[in-house]
Protein backbone atom coordinates (compact mmCIF):
# COMPACT_ATOMS: atom_id res chain seq x y z
CA MET A 1 -107.34 -43.23 138.76
CA TRP A 2 -110.53 -44.14 136.89
CA ASP A 3 -112.45 -41.07 138.03
CA VAL A 4 -109.58 -38.68 137.41
CA ALA A 5 -108.88 -40.16 133.97
CA GLU A 6 -112.50 -39.62 132.94
CA GLU A 7 -112.53 -36.10 134.33
CA LEU A 8 -109.29 -35.21 132.51
CA LYS A 9 -110.29 -37.08 129.35
CA ALA A 10 -107.15 -39.14 129.75
CA MET A 11 -106.44 -42.52 128.24
CA LEU A 12 -105.41 -45.31 130.60
CA VAL A 13 -103.08 -47.94 129.15
CA PHE A 14 -102.10 -51.09 130.99
CA ALA A 15 -98.94 -52.45 129.40
CA GLU A 16 -98.28 -56.15 129.86
CA HIS A 17 -94.74 -56.98 130.97
CA ARG A 18 -92.96 -59.42 128.66
CA TYR A 19 -93.02 -63.02 129.94
CA TYR A 20 -96.21 -62.28 131.90
CA GLY A 21 -99.72 -63.12 130.76
CA GLU A 22 -99.81 -63.64 127.01
CA SER A 23 -96.63 -61.63 126.26
CA LEU A 24 -94.36 -64.60 125.64
CA PRO A 25 -91.61 -63.62 123.18
CA PHE A 26 -90.81 -67.25 122.33
CA GLY A 27 -94.35 -68.58 122.64
CA ASP A 28 -94.63 -71.87 124.49
CA ASN A 29 -90.82 -72.16 124.48
CA SER A 30 -90.28 -68.94 126.46
CA PHE A 31 -89.42 -70.81 129.67
CA LYS A 32 -88.01 -74.02 128.20
CA ASP A 33 -84.55 -72.70 127.34
CA SER A 34 -82.61 -70.61 129.85
CA ARG A 35 -81.17 -68.57 126.97
CA HIS A 36 -84.65 -67.18 126.35
CA LEU A 37 -84.72 -65.79 129.88
CA ASN A 38 -81.93 -63.37 128.93
CA PHE A 39 -84.74 -61.20 127.60
CA LEU A 40 -86.60 -61.07 130.92
CA THR A 41 -85.15 -57.94 132.52
CA SER A 42 -86.63 -54.77 133.94
CA GLU A 43 -84.45 -52.76 131.52
CA GLN A 44 -86.01 -54.53 128.55
CA ALA A 45 -89.49 -54.06 130.01
CA LEU A 46 -88.79 -50.32 130.25
CA ALA A 47 -87.67 -50.28 126.61
CA ASP A 48 -90.88 -52.12 125.67
CA PHE A 49 -92.93 -49.46 127.45
CA ALA A 50 -91.00 -46.70 125.66
CA GLU A 51 -91.78 -48.33 122.32
CA LEU A 52 -95.44 -48.68 123.30
CA ILE A 53 -95.69 -44.98 124.17
CA LYS A 54 -94.04 -44.01 120.87
CA HIS A 55 -96.43 -46.30 118.99
CA LEU A 56 -99.51 -44.91 120.73
CA LYS A 57 -98.44 -41.31 120.15
CA ARG A 58 -97.74 -42.08 116.49
CA THR A 59 -100.95 -43.98 115.75
CA ILE A 60 -103.71 -42.43 117.89
CA PRO A 61 -105.05 -39.15 116.51
CA GLY A 62 -104.41 -36.30 118.93
CA ALA A 63 -102.08 -38.30 121.19
CA GLU A 64 -98.78 -37.06 119.78
CA ASN A 65 -98.42 -34.01 122.03
CA GLN A 66 -100.26 -35.32 125.08
CA PRO A 67 -98.36 -35.74 128.37
CA VAL A 68 -97.76 -39.21 129.79
CA ILE A 69 -97.60 -40.19 133.46
CA ALA A 70 -96.29 -43.61 134.48
CA ILE A 71 -98.21 -45.20 137.36
CA GLY A 72 -97.66 -48.46 139.18
CA GLY A 73 -97.68 -50.25 142.50
CA SER A 74 -95.13 -52.64 143.98
CA TYR A 75 -92.97 -53.93 141.10
CA GLY A 76 -95.06 -51.85 138.70
CA GLY A 77 -94.29 -48.83 140.86
CA MET A 78 -90.60 -49.61 140.68
CA LEU A 79 -90.92 -49.75 136.89
CA ALA A 80 -92.78 -46.41 136.88
CA ALA A 81 -90.03 -44.74 138.94
CA TRP A 82 -87.25 -46.28 136.87
CA PHE A 83 -89.07 -45.31 133.66
CA ARG A 84 -89.15 -41.68 134.78
CA MET A 85 -85.44 -41.85 135.58
CA LYS A 86 -84.41 -43.57 132.33
CA TYR A 87 -86.86 -41.87 129.95
CA PRO A 88 -87.52 -38.41 131.45
CA HIS A 89 -88.20 -37.05 127.96
CA MET A 90 -91.14 -39.45 127.53
CA VAL A 91 -93.08 -38.96 130.77
CA VAL A 92 -93.85 -35.81 132.71
CA GLY A 93 -94.06 -37.72 135.96
CA ALA A 94 -94.38 -41.05 137.71
CA LEU A 95 -96.50 -42.23 140.61
CA ALA A 96 -94.82 -45.16 142.34
CA ALA A 97 -96.93 -46.68 145.11
CA SER A 98 -95.38 -49.21 147.51
CA ALA A 99 -92.32 -49.35 145.29
CA PRO A 100 -89.18 -50.43 147.16
CA ILE A 101 -86.68 -48.93 144.72
CA TRP A 102 -84.05 -48.49 147.40
CA GLN A 103 -83.15 -50.83 150.23
CA PHE A 104 -82.53 -49.34 153.65
CA GLU A 105 -80.27 -50.96 156.21
CA ASP A 106 -81.48 -52.37 159.52
CA LEU A 107 -85.15 -52.74 158.55
CA VAL A 108 -85.46 -56.46 157.83
CA PRO A 109 -82.55 -58.87 157.44
CA CYS A 110 -82.03 -59.69 153.75
CA GLY A 111 -82.48 -63.45 154.16
CA VAL A 112 -85.97 -63.25 155.69
CA PHE A 113 -87.77 -62.86 152.36
CA MET A 114 -85.98 -65.87 150.86
CA LYS A 115 -86.88 -68.02 153.87
CA ILE A 116 -90.57 -67.12 153.57
CA VAL A 117 -90.62 -67.72 149.81
CA THR A 118 -88.80 -71.04 150.17
CA THR A 119 -91.38 -72.17 152.73
CA ASP A 120 -94.15 -71.31 150.25
CA PHE A 121 -92.39 -73.18 147.44
CA ARG A 122 -92.08 -76.28 149.65
CA LYS A 123 -95.83 -76.21 150.17
CA SER A 124 -96.35 -76.13 146.38
CA GLY A 125 -94.93 -79.58 145.81
CA PRO A 126 -92.25 -82.01 146.89
CA HIS A 127 -89.70 -80.90 144.28
CA CYS A 128 -90.61 -77.24 143.77
CA SER A 129 -88.16 -75.60 146.17
CA GLU A 130 -85.31 -77.86 145.06
CA SER A 131 -86.00 -77.12 141.37
CA ILE A 132 -85.88 -73.41 142.09
CA ARG A 133 -82.69 -73.81 144.14
CA ARG A 134 -81.06 -75.63 141.17
CA SER A 135 -82.22 -72.89 138.81
CA TRP A 136 -80.16 -70.38 140.83
CA ASP A 137 -77.09 -72.55 140.25
CA ALA A 138 -77.82 -72.44 136.51
CA ILE A 139 -78.28 -68.67 136.63
CA ASN A 140 -75.00 -68.21 138.50
CA ARG A 141 -73.14 -70.47 136.05
CA LEU A 142 -74.53 -68.59 133.05
CA SER A 143 -73.80 -65.19 134.56
CA ASN A 144 -70.14 -66.14 134.94
CA THR A 145 -69.76 -66.82 131.21
CA GLY A 146 -68.71 -64.27 128.64
CA SER A 147 -72.24 -63.98 127.27
CA GLY A 148 -73.96 -64.05 130.67
């Protein structure tokens, strides 16, 4: 990517997903109120990326008519593929590496991942896995409300 970008005189932009790194929409309170987590969705991340592309094209001299390619791996690859599907007018292509955007039957039973992750959470601390388990109850309760 680095070599090709230099050769093509392309600009590489690494967009930070909201709620990751320093992109906290509610600052230090971003994770303190479950209502704030309503804004942590892949759809909203895609909209953020669309706004970023528009901003860059509008503010960087010579960028307005330049093609854009979305690139990512794993979850970032899923976002790249979904971005191409949702905003085909904004990107000329997407490279999605190791991006499980579809699930295929009979590969790995669905519960295996959760068992592995739960084991890791238990190793993190005596109350970690139970706190996460309770958070799912809160998520399910909220999703069953009119605003959820």
